[in-house]
Every structure is written in structure tokens, then in C-alpha cells.
Amino acid sequence: MNKTKLKLYGKGGLGYAKFNNRQKEDRASFGALSYQFTPIAIRYGNKIGIYGEFGFGYLGIANVGISFKL
């Protein structure tokens, strides 16, 4: 049984994203390969926790938030 509240992790992802350009009159849409590489991530908490992730890709450079585990 893991009773530690602090967790270190990393993640990566690769996928396809569709974008809509709403600035132009023709409302052009296009698709592109998207990726996320997060080598450093930390989470504190058991069921409800806070997290911080640092990497690069479609989620940006840094993400922080609140998460819930079942």
C-alpha cells in the first residue's frame, strides 16, 4: 500500500489536432501532428491533490492544477 502523498512522474504523448481559424472569412481549418513531452511532474495529495508539470508541446511549458483520483 502506497501511503506517500508526494509523487514524481513524467509523461509523453503524440496525436493529431484539428484547428479552426476564426480570424479569416473562409473559416479555414487544418490538422497537424501534436505532441507533449513532460519530463518533470510532481503531485501532492491522496484523493485530491495539486500538481505541477513542466515540459513542452501542445499543453505549453508549465501546467498547474488540482486533480482528483478515484
C-alpha atoms as a PDB file:
ATOM      1  CA  MET A   1       0.000   0.000   0.000  1.00  0.00           C
ATOM      2  CA  ASN A   2       1.401   3.359  -1.030  1.00  0.00           C
ATOM      3  CA  LYS A   3       0.837   5.984   1.674  1.00  0.00           C
ATOM      4  CA  THR A   4       3.160   8.605   0.205  1.00  0.00           C
ATOM      5  CA  LYS A   5       1.422  11.855  -0.680  1.00  0.00           C
ATOM      6  CA  LEU A   6       4.237  13.148  -2.903  1.00  0.00           C
ATOM      7  CA  LYS A   7       4.634  11.596  -6.357  1.00  0.00           C
ATOM      8  CA  LEU A   8       7.129  12.343  -9.131  1.00  0.00           C
ATOM      9  CA  TYR A   9       6.279  11.317 -12.673  1.00  0.00           C
ATOM     10  CA  GLY A  10       6.754  12.101 -16.341  1.00  0.00           C
ATOM     11  CA  LYS A  11       4.662  11.622 -19.443  1.00  0.00           C
ATOM     12  CA  GLY A  12       4.646  11.960 -23.180  1.00  0.00           C
ATOM     13  CA  GLY A  13       2.041  11.949 -25.905  1.00  0.00           C
ATOM     14  CA  LEU A  14       1.648  12.074 -29.655  1.00  0.00           C
ATOM     15  CA  GLY A  15      -1.545  12.723 -31.571  1.00  0.00           C
ATOM     16  CA  TYR A  16      -3.460  14.666 -34.203  1.00  0.00           C
ATOM     17  CA  ALA A  17      -5.140  18.011 -33.527  1.00  0.00           C
ATOM     18  CA  LYS A  18      -7.614  19.923 -35.696  1.00  0.00           C
ATOM     19  CA  PHE A  19      -7.503  23.714 -35.631  1.00  0.00           C
ATOM     20  CA  ASN A  20     -10.081  26.211 -36.852  1.00  0.00           C
ATOM     21  CA  ASN A  21      -9.023  29.670 -37.999  1.00  0.00           C
ATOM     22  CA  ARG A  22     -11.848  32.002 -36.994  1.00  0.00           C
ATOM     23  CA  GLN A  23      -9.983  35.164 -37.984  1.00  0.00           C
ATOM     24  CA  LYS A  24     -10.464  34.717 -41.723  1.00  0.00           C
ATOM     25  CA  GLU A  25     -13.744  34.953 -43.579  1.00  0.00           C
ATOM     26  CA  ASP A  26     -13.382  31.480 -45.112  1.00  0.00           C
ATOM     27  CA  ARG A  27     -13.048  29.900 -41.642  1.00  0.00           C
ATOM     28  CA  ALA A  28     -10.268  27.594 -42.809  1.00  0.00           C
ATOM     29  CA  SER A  29      -9.454  24.528 -40.750  1.00  0.00           C
ATOM     30  CA  PHE A  30      -6.360  22.358 -40.810  1.00  0.00           C
ATOM     31  CA  GLY A  31      -4.867  19.447 -38.921  1.00  0.00           C
ATOM     32  CA  ALA A  32      -1.412  18.974 -37.517  1.00  0.00           C
ATOM     33  CA  LEU A  33       0.648  16.478 -35.618  1.00  0.00           C
ATOM     34  CA  SER A  34       0.725  17.442 -31.941  1.00  0.00           C
ATOM     35  CA  TYR A  35       2.945  16.236 -29.135  1.00  0.00           C
ATOM     36  CA  GLN A  36       3.623  16.742 -25.444  1.00  0.00           C
ATOM     37  CA  PHE A  37       6.780  15.810 -23.575  1.00  0.00           C
ATOM     38  CA  THR A  38       6.734  16.359 -19.808  1.00  0.00           C
ATOM     39  CA  PRO A  39       9.915  15.044 -18.191  1.00  0.00           C
ATOM     40  CA  ILE A  40       9.320  16.685 -14.796  1.00  0.00           C
ATOM     41  CA  ALA A  41       5.993  16.491 -12.959  1.00  0.00           C
ATOM     42  CA  ILE A  42       5.074  16.452  -9.291  1.00  0.00           C
ATOM     43  CA  ARG A  43       1.791  15.767  -7.491  1.00  0.00           C
ATOM     44  CA  TYR A  44       0.982  16.178  -3.789  1.00  0.00           C
ATOM     45  CA  GLY A  45      -2.096  14.618  -2.233  1.00  0.00           C
ATOM     46  CA  ASN A  46      -4.024  11.382  -1.987  1.00  0.00           C
ATOM     47  CA  LYS A  47      -7.530  11.558  -3.462  1.00  0.00           C
ATOM     48  CA  ILE A  48      -7.478  15.319  -4.021  1.00  0.00           C
ATOM     49  CA  GLY A  49      -4.113  16.778  -4.912  1.00  0.00           C
ATOM     50  CA  ILE A  50      -2.286  19.635  -6.544  1.00  0.00           C
ATOM     51  CA  TYR A  51       0.163  19.135  -9.385  1.00  0.00           C
ATOM     52  CA  GLY A  52       2.772  20.949 -11.425  1.00  0.00           C
ATOM     53  CA  GLU A  53       4.067  19.745 -14.792  1.00  0.00           C
ATOM     54  CA  PHE A  54       6.985  21.181 -16.744  1.00  0.00           C
ATOM     55  CA  GLY A  55       7.711  20.275 -20.357  1.00  0.00           C
ATOM     56  CA  PHE A  56       6.924  21.368 -23.901  1.00  0.00           C
ATOM     57  CA  GLY A  57       4.302  20.694 -26.541  1.00  0.00           C
ATOM     58  CA  TYR A  58       0.612  21.385 -27.087  1.00  0.00           C
ATOM     59  CA  LEU A  59      -0.060  21.887 -23.338  1.00  0.00           C
ATOM     60  CA  GLY A  60       2.614  24.584 -23.077  1.00  0.00           C
ATOM     61  CA  ILE A  61       5.684  24.857 -20.889  1.00  0.00           C
ATOM     62  CA  ALA A  62       4.146  24.751 -17.402  1.00  0.00           C
ATOM     63  CA  ASN A  63       0.798  23.497 -16.102  1.00  0.00           C
ATOM     64  CA  VAL A  64      -0.548  23.567 -12.564  1.00  0.00           C
ATOM     65  CA  GLY A  65      -3.871  22.440 -11.218  1.00  0.00           C
ATOM     66  CA  ILE A  66      -5.999  20.353  -8.904  1.00  0.00           C
ATOM     67  CA  SER A  67      -6.674  16.680  -9.580  1.00  0.00           C
ATOM     68  CA  PHE A  68      -8.949  14.012  -8.166  1.00  0.00           C
ATOM     69  CA  LYS A  69      -8.249  10.261  -8.053  1.00  0.00           C
ATOM     70  CA  LEU A  70     -10.953   7.652  -7.621  1.00  0.00           C
END
